[in-house]
C-alpha atoms as a PDB file:
ATOM      1  CA  UNK A   1     -47.300 136.125 125.942  1.00  0.00           C
ATOM      2  CA  UNK A   2     -44.021 135.179 124.487  1.00  0.00           C
ATOM      3  CA  UNK A   3     -42.654 136.269 121.175  1.00  0.00           C
ATOM      4  CA  UNK A   4     -43.556 133.792 118.497  1.00  0.00           C
ATOM      5  CA  UNK A   5     -46.751 132.683 120.144  1.00  0.00           C
ATOM      6  CA  UNK A   6     -49.748 132.804 117.743  1.00  0.00           C
ATOM      7  CA  UNK A   7     -52.609 134.980 118.675  1.00  0.00           C
ATOM      8  CA  UNK A   8     -55.830 132.986 118.571  1.00  0.00           C
ATOM      9  CA  UNK A   9     -58.335 134.366 116.151  1.00  0.00           C
ATOM     10  CA  UNK A  10     -61.862 135.001 117.259  1.00  0.00           C
ATOM     11  CA  UNK A  11     -64.508 132.956 115.461  1.00  0.00           C
ATOM     12  CA  UNK A  12     -65.642 134.656 112.277  1.00  0.00           C
ATOM     13  CA  UNK A  13     -69.100 135.984 112.659  1.00  0.00           C
ATOM     14  CA  UNK A  14     -71.503 136.023 109.745  1.00  0.00           C
ATOM     15  CA  UNK A  15     -72.539 139.562 109.251  1.00  0.00           C
ATOM     16  CA  UNK A  16     -75.945 140.678 108.093  1.00  0.00           C
ATOM     17  CA  UNK A  17     -74.503 141.405 104.698  1.00  0.00           C
ATOM     18  CA  UNK A  18     -72.929 137.945 104.496  1.00  0.00           C
ATOM     19  CA  UNK A  19     -76.167 136.291 105.572  1.00  0.00           C
ATOM     20  CA  UNK A  20     -78.054 138.182 102.874  1.00  0.00           C
ATOM     21  CA  UNK A  21     -75.541 137.115 100.212  1.00  0.00           C
ATOM     22  CA  UNK A  22     -75.713 133.535 101.415  1.00  0.00           C
ATOM     23  CA  UNK A  23     -79.489 133.568 101.119  1.00  0.00           C
ATOM     24  CA  UNK A  24     -79.187 135.029  97.615  1.00  0.00           C
ATOM     25  CA  UNK A  25     -76.765 132.289  96.671  1.00  0.00           C
ATOM     26  CA  UNK A  26     -79.128 129.633  98.021  1.00  0.00           C
ATOM     27  CA  UNK A  27     -81.995 131.166  96.061  1.00  0.00           C
ATOM     28  CA  UNK A  28     -80.011 131.173  92.819  1.00  0.00           C
ATOM     29  CA  UNK A  29     -78.930 127.574  93.329  1.00  0.00           C
ATOM     30  CA  UNK A  30     -82.506 126.528  93.965  1.00  0.00           C
ATOM     31  CA  UNK A  31     -83.570 128.424  90.852  1.00  0.00           C
ATOM     32  CA  UNK A  32     -80.967 126.635  88.784  1.00  0.00           C
ATOM     33  CA  UNK A  33     -82.144 123.261  90.090  1.00  0.00           C
ATOM     34  CA  UNK A  34     -85.757 124.171  89.321  1.00  0.00           C
ATOM     35  CA  UNK A  35     -84.821 125.262  85.798  1.00  0.00           C
ATOM     36  CA  UNK A  36     -82.895 122.034  85.254  1.00  0.00           C
ATOM     37  CA  UNK A  37     -85.839 119.973  86.511  1.00  0.00           C
ATOM     38  CA  UNK A  38     -88.223 121.907  84.282  1.00  0.00           C
ATOM     39  CA  UNK A  39     -85.944 121.446  81.263  1.00  0.00           C
ATOM     40  CA  UNK A  40     -85.694 117.711  81.944  1.00  0.00           C
ATOM     41  CA  UNK A  41     -89.468 117.511  82.329  1.00  0.00           C
ATOM     42  CA  UNK A  42     -90.008 119.344  79.051  1.00  0.00           C
ATOM     43  CA  UNK A  43     -87.523 117.021  77.370  1.00  0.00           C
ATOM     44  CA  UNK A  44     -89.423 114.025  78.716  1.00  0.00           C
ATOM     45  CA  UNK A  45     -92.683 115.506  77.441  1.00  0.00           C
ATOM     46  CA  UNK A  46     -91.120 116.105  74.029  1.00  0.00           C
ATOM     47  CA  UNK A  47     -89.830 112.532  73.970  1.00  0.00           C
ATOM     48  CA  UNK A  48     -93.245 111.231  74.993  1.00  0.00           C
ATOM     49  CA  UNK A  49     -94.879 113.215  72.202  1.00  0.00           C
ATOM     50  CA  UNK A  50     -92.301 111.925  69.725  1.00  0.00           C
ATOM     51  CA  UNK A  51     -92.980 108.381  70.884  1.00  0.00           C
ATOM     52  CA  UNK A  52     -96.711 108.882  70.499  1.00  0.00           C
ATOM     53  CA  UNK A  53     -96.232 110.212  66.974  1.00  0.00           C
ATOM     54  CA  UNK A  54     -93.997 107.261  66.071  1.00  0.00           C
ATOM     55  CA  UNK A  55     -96.532 104.812  67.510  1.00  0.00           C
ATOM     56  CA  UNK A  56     -99.364 106.453  65.586  1.00  0.00           C
ATOM     57  CA  UNK A  57     -97.344 106.279  62.365  1.00  0.00           C
ATOM     58  CA  UNK A  58     -96.587 102.590  62.960  1.00  0.00           C
ATOM     59  CA  UNK A  59    -100.242 101.786  63.602  1.00  0.00           C
ATOM     60  CA  UNK A  60    -101.250 103.663  60.464  1.00  0.00           C
ATOM     61  CA  UNK A  61     -98.698 101.692  58.454  1.00  0.00           C
ATOM     62  CA  UNK A  62     -99.940  98.409  59.850  1.00  0.00           C
ATOM     63  CA  UNK A  63    -103.502  99.414  59.072  1.00  0.00           C
ATOM     64  CA  UNK A  64    -102.506 100.139  55.479  1.00  0.00           C
ATOM     65  CA  UNK A  65    -100.925  96.695  55.238  1.00  0.00           C
ATOM     66  CA  UNK A  66    -104.182  94.941  56.010  1.00  0.00           C
ATOM     67  CA  UNK A  67    -105.377  92.838  53.114  1.00  0.00           C
ATOM     68  CA  UNK A  68    -107.960  94.658  51.059  1.00  0.00           C
ATOM     69  CA  UNK A  69    -110.264  93.108  48.488  1.00  0.00           C
ATOM     70  CA  UNK A  70    -108.859  93.043  44.929  1.00  0.00           C
ATOM     71  CA  UNK A  71    -110.223  95.487  42.385  1.00  0.00           C
ATOM     72  CA  UNK A  72    -111.356  92.557  40.232  1.00  0.00           C
ATOM     73  CA  UNK A  73    -112.898  89.302  41.364  1.00  0.00           C
ATOM     74  CA  UNK A  74    -111.143  86.203  40.107  1.00  0.00           C
ATOM     75  CA  UNK A  75    -113.726  85.696  37.364  1.00  0.00           C
ATOM     76  CA  UNK A  76    -113.360  89.305  36.258  1.00  0.00           C
ATOM     77  CA  UNK A  77    -109.557  89.035  36.337  1.00  0.00           C
ATOM     78  CA  UNK A  78    -109.662  85.980  34.110  1.00  0.00           C
ATOM     79  CA  UNK A  79    -112.238  87.428  31.731  1.00  0.00           C
ATOM     80  CA  UNK A  80    -110.658  90.873  31.421  1.00  0.00           C
ATOM     81  CA  UNK A  81    -106.953  90.050  31.600  1.00  0.00           C
ATOM     82  CA  UNK A  82    -105.807  86.434  31.317  1.00  0.00           C
ATOM     83  CA  UNK A  83    -108.241  85.256  28.616  1.00  0.00           C
ATOM     84  CA  UNK A  84    -107.689  88.181  26.181  1.00  0.00           C
ATOM     85  CA  UNK A  85    -103.929  88.059  26.704  1.00  0.00           C
ATOM     86  CA  UNK A  86    -103.682  84.309  26.123  1.00  0.00           C
ATOM     87  CA  UNK A  87    -105.808  84.573  22.972  1.00  0.00           C
ATOM     88  CA  UNK A  88    -103.332  87.086  21.522  1.00  0.00           C
ATOM     89  CA  UNK A  89    -100.557  84.549  21.981  1.00  0.00           C
ATOM     90  CA  UNK A  90    -102.599  81.536  20.843  1.00  0.00           C
ATOM     91  CA  UNK A  91    -103.651  83.250  17.618  1.00  0.00           C
ATOM     92  CA  UNK A  92    -100.150  84.511  16.748  1.00  0.00           C
ATOM     93  CA  UNK A  93     -99.141  81.293  14.995  1.00  0.00           C
ATOM     94  CA  UNK A  94    -101.705  79.020  13.352  1.00  0.00           C
ATOM     95  CA  UNK A  95    -101.360  76.189  10.865  1.00  0.00           C
ATOM     96  CA  UNK A  96    -104.694  75.779   9.137  1.00  0.00           C
ATOM     97  CA  UNK A  97    -105.653  73.093   6.656  1.00  0.00           C
ATOM     98  CA  UNK A  98    -109.038  73.225   4.968  1.00  0.00           C
ATOM     99  CA  UNK A  99    -110.713  72.589   1.615  1.00  0.00           C
ATOM    100  CA  UNK A 100    -108.835  75.520   0.123  1.00  0.00           C
ATOM    101  CA  UNK A 101    -105.462  74.201   1.140  1.00  0.00           C
ATOM    102  CA  UNK A 102    -102.943  74.839   3.897  1.00  0.00           C
ATOM    103  CA  UNK A 103    -102.485  78.251   5.448  1.00  0.00           C
ATOM    104  CA  UNK A 104     -99.709  79.361   7.757  1.00  0.00           C
ATOM    105  CA  UNK A 105    -100.507  82.338   9.935  1.00  0.00           C
ATOM    106  CA  UNK A 106     -97.361  83.774  11.493  1.00  0.00           C
ATOM    107  CA  UNK A 107     -96.189  87.241  12.588  1.00  0.00           C
ATOM    108  CA  UNK A 108     -94.813  89.161   9.624  1.00  0.00           C
ATOM    109  CA  UNK A 109     -93.300  92.349  10.999  1.00  0.00           C
ATOM    110  CA  UNK A 110     -91.286  93.412  14.025  1.00  0.00           C
ATOM    111  CA  UNK A 111     -94.434  95.060  15.367  1.00  0.00           C
ATOM    112  CA  UNK A 112     -96.289  91.752  15.044  1.00  0.00           C
ATOM    113  CA  UNK A 113     -93.579  89.924  16.987  1.00  0.00           C
ATOM    114  CA  UNK A 114     -93.521  92.632  19.637  1.00  0.00           C
ATOM    115  CA  UNK A 115     -97.257  92.189  20.147  1.00  0.00           C
ATOM    116  CA  UNK A 116     -96.697  88.469  20.728  1.00  0.00           C
ATOM    117  CA  UNK A 117     -93.784  89.119  23.095  1.00  0.00           C
ATOM    118  CA  UNK A 118     -95.811  91.651  25.095  1.00  0.00           C
ATOM    119  CA  UNK A 119     -98.642  89.159  25.484  1.00  0.00           C
ATOM    120  CA  UNK A 120     -96.200  86.630  26.922  1.00  0.00           C
ATOM    121  CA  UNK A 121     -94.804  89.240  29.315  1.00  0.00           C
ATOM    122  CA  UNK A 122     -98.324  90.155  30.407  1.00  0.00           C
ATOM    123  CA  UNK A 123     -99.099  86.508  31.141  1.00  0.00           C
ATOM    124  CA  UNK A 124     -96.111  86.405  33.473  1.00  0.00           C
ATOM    125  CA  UNK A 125     -97.268  89.513  35.322  1.00  0.00           C
ATOM    126  CA  UNK A 126    -100.775  88.104  35.628  1.00  0.00           C
ATOM    127  CA  UNK A 127     -99.437  84.815  36.978  1.00  0.00           C
ATOM    128  CA  UNK A 128     -97.532  86.734  39.652  1.00  0.00           C
ATOM    129  CA  UNK A 129    -100.595  88.784  40.542  1.00  0.00           C
ATOM    130  CA  UNK A 130    -102.612  85.600  40.973  1.00  0.00           C
ATOM    131  CA  UNK A 131    -100.106  84.600  43.659  1.00  0.00           C
ATOM    132  CA  UNK A 132    -100.901  87.668  45.760  1.00  0.00           C
ATOM    133  CA  UNK A 133    -102.817  87.296  49.020  1.00  0.00           C
ATOM    134  CA  UNK A 134    -105.888  88.823  47.391  1.00  0.00           C
ATOM    135  CA  UNK A 135    -106.286  85.696  45.242  1.00  0.00           C
ATOM    136  CA  UNK A 136    -104.582  82.949  47.254  1.00  0.00           C
ATOM    137  CA  UNK A 137    -106.655  83.474  50.394  1.00  0.00           C
ATOM    138  CA  UNK A 138    -109.049  80.573  50.916  1.00  0.00           C
ATOM    139  CA  UNK A 139    -107.437  78.414  48.241  1.00  0.00           C
ATOM    140  CA  UNK A 140    -105.134  75.434  48.433  1.00  0.00           C
ATOM    141  CA  UNK A 141    -101.380  75.465  47.897  1.00  0.00           C
ATOM    142  CA  UNK A 142    -101.847  74.162  44.351  1.00  0.00           C
ATOM    143  CA  UNK A 143    -103.329  77.537  43.412  1.00  0.00           C
ATOM    144  CA  UNK A 144     -99.913  79.114  43.844  1.00  0.00           C
ATOM    145  CA  UNK A 145     -98.343  76.255  41.891  1.00  0.00           C
ATOM    146  CA  UNK A 146    -100.725  76.761  38.981  1.00  0.00           C
ATOM    147  CA  UNK A 147    -100.070  80.501  39.018  1.00  0.00           C
ATOM    148  CA  UNK A 148     -96.306  79.981  39.068  1.00  0.00           C
ATOM    149  CA  UNK A 149     -96.607  77.537  36.183  1.00  0.00           C
ATOM    150  CA  UNK A 150     -98.281  80.309  34.203  1.00  0.00           C
ATOM    151  CA  UNK A 151     -95.324  82.575  34.984  1.00  0.00           C
ATOM    152  CA  UNK A 152     -92.830  79.946  33.822  1.00  0.00           C
ATOM    153  CA  UNK A 153     -94.795  79.148  30.670  1.00  0.00           C
ATOM    154  CA  UNK A 154     -94.972  82.879  29.979  1.00  0.00           C
ATOM    155  CA  UNK A 155     -91.189  83.094  30.199  1.00  0.00           C
ATOM    156  CA  UNK A 156     -90.815  80.363  27.584  1.00  0.00           C
ATOM    157  CA  UNK A 157     -93.430  82.076  25.448  1.00  0.00           C
ATOM    158  CA  UNK A 158     -91.616  85.396  25.608  1.00  0.00           C
ATOM    159  CA  UNK A 159     -88.297  83.842  24.643  1.00  0.00           C
ATOM    160  CA  UNK A 160     -89.907  82.143  21.626  1.00  0.00           C
ATOM    161  CA  UNK A 161     -91.310  85.502  20.519  1.00  0.00           C
ATOM    162  CA  UNK A 162     -87.941  87.202  20.986  1.00  0.00           C
ATOM    163  CA  UNK A 163     -86.359  84.513  18.826  1.00  0.00           C
ATOM    164  CA  UNK A 164     -89.120  85.050  16.233  1.00  0.00           C
ATOM    165  CA  UNK A 165     -89.529  81.302  16.039  1.00  0.00           C
ATOM    166  CA  UNK A 166     -93.045  80.420  14.808  1.00  0.00           C
ATOM    167  CA  UNK A 167     -92.723  76.704  15.556  1.00  0.00           C
ATOM    168  CA  UNK A 168     -91.578  77.410  19.101  1.00  0.00           C
ATOM    169  CA  UNK A 169     -94.396  79.887  19.666  1.00  0.00           C
ATOM    170  CA  UNK A 170     -96.876  77.262  18.451  1.00  0.00           C
ATOM    171  CA  UNK A 171     -95.352  74.657  20.782  1.00  0.00           C
ATOM    172  CA  UNK A 172     -95.331  76.929  23.838  1.00  0.00           C
ATOM    173  CA  UNK A 173     -98.938  77.918  23.132  1.00  0.00           C
ATOM    174  CA  UNK A 174     -99.826  74.310  23.892  1.00  0.00           C
ATOM    175  CA  UNK A 175     -97.930  74.515  27.181  1.00  0.00           C
ATOM    176  CA  UNK A 176     -99.760  77.697  28.218  1.00  0.00           C
ATOM    177  CA  UNK A 177    -103.093  76.113  27.289  1.00  0.00           C
ATOM    178  CA  UNK A 178    -102.295  72.999  29.340  1.00  0.00           C
ATOM    179  CA  UNK A 179    -101.479  75.100  32.413  1.00  0.00           C
ATOM    180  CA  UNK A 180    -104.724  77.048  32.105  1.00  0.00           C
ATOM    181  CA  UNK A 181    -106.783  73.896  31.517  1.00  0.00           C
ATOM    182  CA  UNK A 182    -105.327  72.128  34.576  1.00  0.00           C
ATOM    183  CA  UNK A 183    -106.128  75.134  36.764  1.00  0.00           C
ATOM    184  CA  UNK A 184    -109.678  75.336  35.431  1.00  0.00           C
ATOM    185  CA  UNK A 185    -110.181  71.654  36.266  1.00  0.00           C
ATOM    186  CA  UNK A 186    -109.201  72.254  39.900  1.00  0.00           C
ATOM    187  CA  UNK A 187    -110.916  75.647  40.175  1.00  0.00           C
ATOM    188  CA  UNK A 188    -113.956  75.629  37.884  1.00  0.00           C
ATOM    189  CA  UNK A 189    -115.441  78.917  36.789  1.00  0.00           C
ATOM    190  CA  UNK A 190    -118.902  77.976  38.043  1.00  0.00           C
ATOM    191  CA  UNK A 191    -117.695  77.456  41.604  1.00  0.00           C
ATOM    192  CA  UNK A 192    -119.974  78.888  44.284  1.00  0.00           C
ATOM    193  CA  UNK A 193    -116.980  80.423  46.022  1.00  0.00           C
ATOM    194  CA  UNK A 194    -117.068  84.256  45.645  1.00  0.00           C
ATOM    195  CA  UNK A 195    -114.655  85.477  43.018  1.00  0.00           C
ATOM    196  CA  UNK A 196    -114.302  82.192  41.209  1.00  0.00           C
ATOM    197  CA  UNK A 197    -112.933  78.774  42.013  1.00  0.00           C
ATOM    198  CA  UNK A 198    -112.518  77.763  45.593  1.00  0.00           C
ATOM    199  CA  UNK A 199    -110.358  75.084  47.170  1.00  0.00           C
ATOM    200  CA  UNK A 200    -110.404  71.836  45.246  1.00  0.00           C
END
């Protein structure tokens, strides 16, 4: 062998100790993979549970949105709300002529005018409620038109009360009455349809 020649190295043998360490390393690696798989599986389970909860909440919300029957039938709504409210407005301003002479009945105080204004505001709210699905179901499109006309007439009525204008209140009373009368012609109270008038 000449100087400078490299001495070939014998192949490195894996000792018992090295083999044991290698097996330990393999075991730890497998354990880490198992833990990662388990963590991913748990995460999937958690996500599935979260999805189930979200789905249940959505279904519950949709169930709550289903149309329920109104607290009052249409006849009851008219008798207990619209009729008394309209009478408050109709009676606020009256021009009476009889054998004893002429009598003007008009609001005298701020409280009187506020009562008239509130009646007009209530008519608007009632007109809007009559446009809800609870009352429009099974009726023609003109039902919504009549109800909206009540809202618009109520707006004019409220403005007249705010202005404390007796003549205007008297005039708008006629408009409100005309709206109600037209609706009653199309949807009579004695209709056989449950809850009041049915489709015309």
